[in-house]
Amino acid sequence: MGSRDYNQWAQRLELIRRCAVTLLWIIIIASIFMFLVKHVITNPSINDDKVKLQIFEQKDTVVESRISYEKLNEEISAALIKARDVALDSASEGLDNWVEEIMGRVDPDFLDWYFGYWTQQKMQLASIYNNAFHLVYKKHPSAEEKIHEEIVREFQKRVLQQNISQLELETIAQQAMNQYVETLRHELSLIAIRYKIPKAEWDRYLDDITILSKTFEGRRTVPLTLKAIVSYSSTIMVSRQMRFIAGSIERKAGTQVGTEAVSMGVVIPSACVFGRATMKVMEKFLTPVVVVAILAWDVLDHHRMEAEYRPILKENIRKYFCTVKETILNDEESGILATILDIEKNVLDAVQLETRQ
């Protein structure tokens, strides 16, 4: 019985110990909870500090935004310059490719036709007829004018291909302006992010910058906003002046090339023309051997002339189209740069006016 009583007391003591430990943990947890309720959750000073922190952060945002507007002239100016550089680089690359495509049609197609043996023979015979008729009837075009017309016509047909070049130039200009808008949109968004300007406030700011420009619709003055220019779906169409210059360049190109060819005197000189013309009259007096010798000399002389003048004419045509490229890029009245500079001036003037208000 003694052993049984001992076991019962041991069990009772273990039960008491467990109850005491459980009670102790309850007291500790309750104390911690009361401490938190008293010093953290219901402490007005801490809540006030949180409110003050939130107010400070809001004030800080407003101050940062105000600081940003003081620097916007410089920031927007830098964004405009970067957009301009990107657009002009894009246009320059496109025009370089266009010049190479043009030269690929100049040589071999146009130059093969122009320096062809039978083309030269035809021009020589036509020049004799036209010069003779011009002497009798002054209103009739001279041989030089008729040759010039034929060269222009063939150049238009073989190289410029009926308005294709004009469309190509307008496409290059339009792609450059699209690149300009895309870059400007990106740079302006970075300004807003960098200076932590709220989107609604930034949109209002851009919407307040009104631009009056006649660049986009020819002679009409059209009110635009900076936000409208850089909105996701908008673009800047090439101006009427740009379309006009693209068309005028196509019209002038053939004329310029014809003038180059005629001024070089590539068509056989008059002394040789006289020799060829009289040769046909004297054929019945010449032996076949002499006729063959003269014809062989004529062919060799033609190849010598082509070897000498063909690279010169080709290089002159290339130089002309490089000048065309510079005109389209940098013409102060109608080029791509003129359109961009007009936008920049309007934007900066509007920004400065907005800053002063």
Protein backbone atom coordinates (compact mmCIF):
# COMPACT_ATOMS: atom_id res chain seq x y z
CA MET A 1 0.00 0.00 0.00
CA GLY A 2 2.87 2.32 0.69
CA SER A 3 4.10 2.04 -2.87
CA ARG A 4 0.59 2.66 -4.24
CA ASP A 5 0.17 5.81 -2.08
CA TYR A 6 3.53 7.07 -3.32
CA ASN A 7 2.50 6.76 -6.97
CA GLN A 8 -0.75 8.58 -6.38
CA TRP A 9 1.04 11.50 -4.73
CA ALA A 10 3.53 11.62 -7.57
CA GLN A 11 0.74 11.86 -10.13
CA ARG A 12 -0.96 14.64 -8.13
CA LEU A 13 2.27 16.62 -7.90
CA GLU A 14 2.86 16.25 -11.68
CA LEU A 15 -0.65 17.49 -12.37
CA ILE A 16 -0.11 20.48 -10.08
CA ARG A 17 3.21 21.27 -11.82
CA ARG A 18 1.59 21.20 -15.26
CA CYS A 19 -1.23 23.46 -14.14
CA ALA A 20 1.26 25.89 -12.61
CA VAL A 21 3.36 26.04 -15.82
CA THR A 22 0.26 26.57 -17.95
CA LEU A 23 -0.96 29.32 -15.63
CA LEU A 24 2.47 30.96 -15.74
CA TRP A 25 2.46 31.07 -19.56
CA ILE A 26 -1.04 32.51 -19.56
CA ILE A 27 0.12 35.29 -17.20
CA ILE A 28 3.18 36.02 -19.39
CA ILE A 29 1.16 36.19 -22.64
CA ALA A 30 -1.51 38.34 -21.00
CA SER A 31 1.15 40.72 -19.70
CA ILE A 32 2.72 41.08 -23.12
CA PHE A 33 -0.65 41.73 -24.71
CA MET A 34 -1.53 44.39 -22.11
CA PHE A 35 1.85 46.04 -22.65
CA LEU A 36 1.27 46.22 -26.39
CA VAL A 37 -2.25 47.58 -25.94
CA LYS A 38 -1.05 50.21 -23.49
CA HIS A 39 2.18 51.37 -25.16
CA VAL A 40 1.77 50.72 -28.88
CA ILE A 41 -1.79 50.35 -30.10
CA THR A 42 -3.45 53.00 -27.93
CA ASN A 43 -0.45 55.33 -27.56
CA PRO A 44 -1.58 58.64 -29.11
CA SER A 45 1.93 59.94 -29.51
CA ILE A 46 2.90 57.10 -31.85
CA ASN A 47 -0.27 57.53 -33.90
CA ASP A 48 0.44 61.24 -34.11
CA ASP A 49 3.97 60.45 -35.30
CA LYS A 50 2.58 58.23 -38.06
CA VAL A 51 0.15 60.92 -39.15
CA LYS A 52 2.93 63.50 -39.12
CA LEU A 53 5.15 61.18 -41.17
CA GLN A 54 2.43 60.74 -43.77
CA ILE A 55 1.86 64.50 -43.93
CA PHE A 56 5.59 65.06 -44.26
CA GLU A 57 5.82 62.57 -47.10
CA GLN A 58 2.96 64.27 -48.88
CA LYS A 59 4.55 67.65 -48.39
CA ASP A 60 7.84 66.23 -49.56
CA THR A 61 6.19 65.01 -52.77
CA VAL A 62 4.73 68.44 -53.38
CA VAL A 63 8.08 70.10 -52.78
CA GLU A 64 9.85 67.64 -55.07
CA SER A 65 7.27 68.32 -57.76
CA ARG A 66 7.76 72.07 -57.35
CA ILE A 67 11.53 71.65 -57.60
CA SER A 68 11.06 69.66 -60.80
CA TYR A 69 9.13 72.44 -62.48
CA GLU A 70 11.95 74.88 -61.78
CA LYS A 71 14.24 72.60 -63.83
CA LEU A 72 11.78 71.67 -66.55
CA ASN A 73 13.14 74.12 -69.13
CA GLU A 74 16.51 72.43 -69.05
CA GLU A 75 15.09 68.91 -68.85
CA ILE A 76 12.58 69.36 -71.68
CA SER A 77 15.19 71.09 -73.81
CA ALA A 78 17.50 68.09 -73.38
CA ALA A 79 14.64 65.74 -74.26
CA LEU A 80 13.89 67.70 -77.42
CA ILE A 81 17.55 67.67 -78.49
CA LYS A 82 17.81 63.92 -77.97
CA ALA A 83 14.60 63.30 -79.92
CA ARG A 84 15.92 65.52 -82.71
CA ASP A 85 19.23 63.64 -82.90
CA VAL A 86 17.49 60.27 -82.98
CA ALA A 87 15.09 61.42 -85.72
CA LEU A 88 17.85 62.91 -87.88
CA ASP A 89 20.01 59.80 -87.47
CA SER A 90 17.05 57.69 -88.55
CA ALA A 91 16.39 59.91 -91.56
CA SER A 92 20.07 60.01 -92.50
CA GLU A 93 20.30 56.23 -92.46
CA GLY A 94 17.11 55.91 -94.50
CA LEU A 95 18.35 58.45 -97.05
CA ASP A 96 21.72 56.69 -97.33
CA ASN A 97 19.88 53.49 -98.21
CA TRP A 98 17.71 55.42 -100.66
CA VAL A 99 20.77 56.86 -102.42
CA GLU A 100 22.26 53.36 -102.73
CA GLU A 101 19.01 52.07 -104.22
CA ILE A 102 18.99 54.97 -106.69
CA MET A 103 22.60 54.29 -107.68
CA GLY A 104 21.74 50.61 -108.13
CA ARG A 105 19.27 51.69 -110.82
CA VAL A 106 21.66 54.26 -112.29
CA ASP A 107 24.34 51.64 -112.82
CA PRO A 108 23.90 49.43 -114.74
CA ASP A 109 20.45 50.26 -116.16
CA PHE A 110 20.64 53.96 -117.01
CA LEU A 111 24.37 54.12 -117.75
CA ASP A 112 24.17 51.00 -119.93
CA TRP A 113 21.47 52.69 -121.97
CA TYR A 114 23.24 56.05 -122.15
CA PHE A 115 26.67 54.70 -123.10
CA GLY A 116 25.24 52.07 -125.43
CA TYR A 117 26.83 52.13 -128.87
CA TRP A 118 23.52 52.34 -130.73
CA THR A 119 22.17 54.96 -128.32
CA GLN A 120 25.12 57.16 -129.17
CA GLN A 121 24.67 56.54 -132.89
CA LYS A 122 21.00 57.50 -132.62
CA MET A 123 21.87 60.71 -130.73
CA GLN A 124 24.49 61.63 -133.34
CA LEU A 125 22.13 61.24 -136.27
CA ALA A 126 19.34 63.03 -134.39
CA SER A 127 21.68 65.90 -133.55
CA ILE A 128 22.54 66.40 -137.23
CA TYR A 129 18.85 66.57 -138.13
CA ASN A 130 17.85 68.83 -135.24
CA ASN A 131 20.75 71.26 -135.70
CA ALA A 132 19.99 71.56 -139.42
CA PHE A 133 16.29 72.12 -138.77
CA HIS A 134 17.12 74.62 -135.96
CA LEU A 135 19.20 76.69 -138.38
CA VAL A 136 16.24 76.99 -140.71
CA TYR A 137 13.49 77.30 -138.06
CA LYS A 138 14.67 78.95 -134.86
CA LYS A 139 11.68 77.83 -132.79
CA HIS A 140 12.62 74.22 -133.33
CA PRO A 141 14.65 72.89 -130.36
CA SER A 142 18.37 72.60 -130.87
CA ALA A 143 20.13 69.24 -130.86
CA GLU A 144 21.34 69.85 -127.31
CA GLU A 145 17.81 70.52 -126.07
CA LYS A 146 16.40 67.43 -127.76
CA ILE A 147 19.17 65.23 -126.35
CA HIS A 148 18.57 66.73 -122.91
CA GLU A 149 14.85 65.92 -123.14
CA GLU A 150 15.54 62.32 -124.11
CA ILE A 151 18.03 61.83 -121.27
CA VAL A 152 15.58 63.28 -118.74
CA ARG A 153 12.81 61.02 -120.03
CA GLU A 154 14.94 57.89 -119.82
CA PHE A 155 16.27 58.80 -116.37
CA GLN A 156 12.74 59.31 -115.07
CA LYS A 157 11.68 55.96 -116.50
CA ARG A 158 14.70 53.86 -115.54
CA VAL A 159 15.75 55.40 -112.21
CA LEU A 160 13.01 57.48 -110.59
CA GLN A 161 10.24 55.19 -111.90
CA GLN A 162 7.22 57.51 -111.96
CA ASN A 163 6.75 58.99 -108.47
CA ILE A 164 8.22 55.97 -106.64
CA SER A 165 11.14 58.08 -105.45
CA GLN A 166 8.79 60.76 -104.12
CA LEU A 167 6.86 58.17 -102.11
CA GLU A 168 10.13 56.72 -100.81
CA LEU A 169 11.30 60.15 -99.63
CA GLU A 170 7.98 60.91 -97.94
CA THR A 171 8.08 57.52 -96.20
CA ILE A 172 11.59 58.15 -94.90
CA ALA A 173 10.57 61.59 -93.60
CA GLN A 174 7.44 60.19 -91.94
CA GLN A 175 9.38 57.39 -90.25
CA ALA A 176 11.83 59.96 -88.90
CA MET A 177 9.00 62.04 -87.43
CA ASN A 178 7.46 58.92 -85.88
CA GLN A 179 10.83 58.17 -84.31
CA TYR A 180 10.97 61.75 -83.05
CA VAL A 181 7.59 61.46 -81.32
CA GLU A 182 8.45 58.06 -79.82
CA THR A 183 11.76 59.28 -78.42
CA LEU A 184 10.23 62.50 -77.07
CA ARG A 185 7.44 60.50 -75.41
CA HIS A 186 10.00 58.22 -73.73
CA GLU A 187 12.23 61.07 -72.56
CA LEU A 188 9.31 63.03 -71.08
CA SER A 189 8.11 59.96 -69.19
CA LEU A 190 11.60 59.58 -67.72
CA ILE A 191 11.48 63.20 -66.50
CA ALA A 192 8.23 62.51 -64.64
CA ILE A 193 9.69 59.36 -63.07
CA ARG A 194 13.01 60.99 -62.19
CA TYR A 195 11.37 63.87 -60.34
CA LYS A 196 8.50 61.79 -58.89
CA ILE A 197 5.83 63.97 -60.46
CA PRO A 198 2.34 62.44 -60.04
CA LYS A 199 0.89 61.28 -63.35
CA ALA A 200 -2.25 63.42 -63.10
CA GLU A 201 -0.21 66.51 -62.31
CA TRP A 202 2.26 65.76 -65.16
CA ASP A 203 -0.56 65.22 -67.64
CA ARG A 204 -2.11 68.54 -66.64
CA TYR A 205 1.24 70.25 -67.08
CA LEU A 206 1.75 68.82 -70.58
CA ASP A 207 -1.83 69.63 -71.50
CA ASP A 208 -1.32 73.27 -70.46
CA ILE A 209 1.57 73.68 -72.91
CA THR A 210 -0.28 74.84 -75.99
CA ILE A 211 1.62 74.98 -79.25
CA LEU A 212 0.47 77.04 -82.21
CA SER A 213 2.16 75.69 -85.29
CA LYS A 214 1.62 75.95 -89.03
CA THR A 215 4.12 73.20 -89.72
CA PHE A 216 1.63 70.37 -89.70
CA GLU A 217 -1.13 71.72 -91.93
CA GLY A 218 0.60 73.92 -94.44
CA ARG A 219 -0.60 77.49 -94.11
CA ARG A 220 -3.15 76.84 -91.40
CA THR A 221 -2.24 77.54 -87.78
CA VAL A 222 -3.30 74.57 -85.69
CA PRO A 223 -3.45 74.60 -81.86
CA LEU A 224 -1.79 71.56 -80.33
CA THR A 225 -0.65 70.59 -76.86
CA LEU A 226 2.54 68.84 -75.87
CA LYS A 227 0.44 66.07 -74.36
CA ALA A 228 -1.37 65.62 -77.68
CA ILE A 229 1.93 65.36 -79.56
CA VAL A 230 3.36 62.67 -77.29
CA SER A 231 0.13 60.77 -76.65
CA TYR A 232 0.32 57.07 -77.42
CA SER A 233 -1.72 57.11 -80.62
CA SER A 234 -0.58 60.41 -82.10
CA THR A 235 2.03 61.18 -84.71
CA ILE A 236 3.33 64.19 -86.60
CA MET A 237 2.61 64.11 -90.29
CA VAL A 238 5.26 65.48 -92.60
CA SER A 239 4.44 69.01 -93.63
CA ARG A 240 3.10 70.02 -97.01
CA GLN A 241 6.43 71.74 -97.61
CA MET A 242 8.19 68.41 -97.06
CA ARG A 243 5.92 66.66 -99.54
CA PHE A 244 6.49 69.49 -102.01
CA ILE A 245 10.26 69.31 -101.72
CA ALA A 246 10.17 65.53 -102.23
CA GLY A 247 8.18 66.00 -105.42
CA SER A 248 10.31 68.87 -106.69
CA ILE A 249 13.50 66.89 -106.10
CA GLU A 250 12.16 64.08 -108.25
CA ARG A 251 11.32 66.55 -111.01
CA LYS A 252 14.70 68.26 -110.78
CA ALA A 253 16.74 65.05 -110.63
CA GLY A 254 16.23 64.08 -114.26
CA THR A 255 16.88 67.64 -115.38
CA GLN A 256 20.10 67.81 -113.37
CA VAL A 257 21.35 64.47 -114.68
CA GLY A 258 20.50 65.47 -118.26
CA THR A 259 22.40 68.72 -117.82
CA GLU A 260 25.38 66.85 -116.38
CA ALA A 261 25.45 64.43 -119.31
CA VAL A 262 25.11 67.11 -121.98
CA SER A 263 27.61 69.47 -120.32
CA MET A 264 30.20 66.70 -120.22
CA GLY A 265 30.06 66.42 -123.98
CA VAL A 266 29.81 62.64 -123.81
CA VAL A 267 28.02 62.55 -127.14
CA ILE A 268 30.68 62.26 -129.85
CA PRO A 269 32.19 65.66 -130.80
CA SER A 270 31.04 67.37 -133.98
CA ALA A 271 34.17 66.48 -135.99
CA CYS A 272 33.55 62.79 -135.41
CA VAL A 273 29.87 63.27 -136.21
CA PHE A 274 30.82 64.80 -139.51
CA GLY A 275 33.12 61.85 -140.20
CA ARG A 276 30.40 59.32 -139.47
CA ALA A 277 27.78 61.19 -141.48
CA THR A 278 30.00 61.59 -144.53
CA MET A 279 31.14 57.99 -144.19
CA LYS A 280 27.65 56.77 -145.09
CA VAL A 281 27.70 58.93 -148.26
CA MET A 282 31.16 57.71 -149.24
CA GLU A 283 30.59 54.03 -148.53
CA LYS A 284 30.16 53.21 -152.24
CA PHE A 285 33.59 54.75 -152.94
CA LEU A 286 35.35 52.82 -150.16
CA THR A 287 36.52 49.28 -150.25
CA PRO A 288 35.04 46.83 -147.74
CA VAL A 289 38.37 46.65 -145.92
CA VAL A 290 38.41 50.41 -145.36
CA VAL A 291 34.78 50.38 -144.21
CA VAL A 292 35.48 47.62 -141.70
CA ALA A 293 38.57 49.43 -140.47
CA ILE A 294 36.63 52.65 -139.94
CA LEU A 295 33.84 50.82 -138.12
CA ALA A 296 36.36 49.00 -135.92
CA TRP A 297 38.07 52.27 -135.09
CA ASP A 298 34.64 53.75 -134.27
CA VAL A 299 33.79 50.91 -131.87
CA LEU A 300 37.18 51.14 -130.15
CA ASP A 301 36.83 54.90 -129.83
CA HIS A 302 33.38 54.44 -128.32
CA HIS A 303 34.70 52.03 -125.69
CA ARG A 304 37.55 54.42 -124.88
CA MET A 305 35.07 57.25 -124.46
CA GLU A 306 32.83 55.12 -122.20
CA ALA A 307 35.76 54.00 -120.03
CA GLU A 308 36.75 57.63 -119.54
CA TYR A 309 33.38 59.28 -118.97
CA ARG A 310 31.21 56.59 -117.36
CA PRO A 311 32.81 56.73 -113.88
CA ILE A 312 32.79 60.54 -114.02
CA LEU A 313 29.08 60.72 -114.83
CA LYS A 314 28.28 58.08 -112.21
CA GLU A 315 30.17 59.99 -109.51
CA ASN A 316 28.49 63.26 -110.48
CA ILE A 317 25.07 61.61 -110.17
CA ARG A 318 26.02 60.22 -106.76
CA LYS A 319 27.18 63.65 -105.59
CA TYR A 320 23.90 65.15 -106.75
CA PHE A 321 21.83 62.68 -104.74
CA CYS A 322 24.05 63.22 -101.69
CA THR A 323 23.17 66.90 -102.04
CA VAL A 324 19.51 65.87 -102.24
CA LYS A 325 19.96 63.98 -98.98
CA GLU A 326 21.37 67.06 -97.24
CA THR A 327 18.53 69.20 -98.60
CA ILE A 328 15.86 66.84 -97.27
CA LEU A 329 17.58 66.68 -93.89
CA ASN A 330 18.66 70.26 -93.34
CA ASP A 331 16.66 72.58 -95.62
CA GLU A 332 15.77 75.56 -93.42
CA GLU A 333 12.28 75.96 -94.87
CA SER A 334 11.05 72.51 -95.90
CA GLY A 335 13.45 69.85 -94.64
CA ILE A 336 12.98 67.43 -91.76
CA LEU A 337 15.16 69.58 -89.50
CA ALA A 338 12.98 72.63 -90.21
CA THR A 339 9.89 70.75 -89.03
CA ILE A 340 11.63 69.59 -85.86
CA LEU A 341 13.10 73.01 -85.06
CA ASP A 342 9.66 74.56 -85.45
CA ILE A 343 8.28 72.09 -82.90
CA GLU A 344 11.17 72.75 -80.51
CA LYS A 345 10.76 76.52 -80.67
CA ASN A 346 7.03 76.29 -80.01
CA VAL A 347 7.49 73.87 -77.10
CA LEU A 348 10.24 75.90 -75.41
CA ASP A 349 8.34 79.16 -75.84
CA ALA A 350 5.25 77.55 -74.34
CA VAL A 351 7.25 76.04 -71.44
CA GLN A 352 8.81 79.38 -70.59
CA LEU A 353 5.43 81.06 -70.69
CA GLU A 354 3.98 78.36 -68.42
CA THR A 355 6.87 78.75 -65.97
CA ARG A 356 6.35 82.51 -65.70
CA GLN A 357 2.67 82.16 -64.89
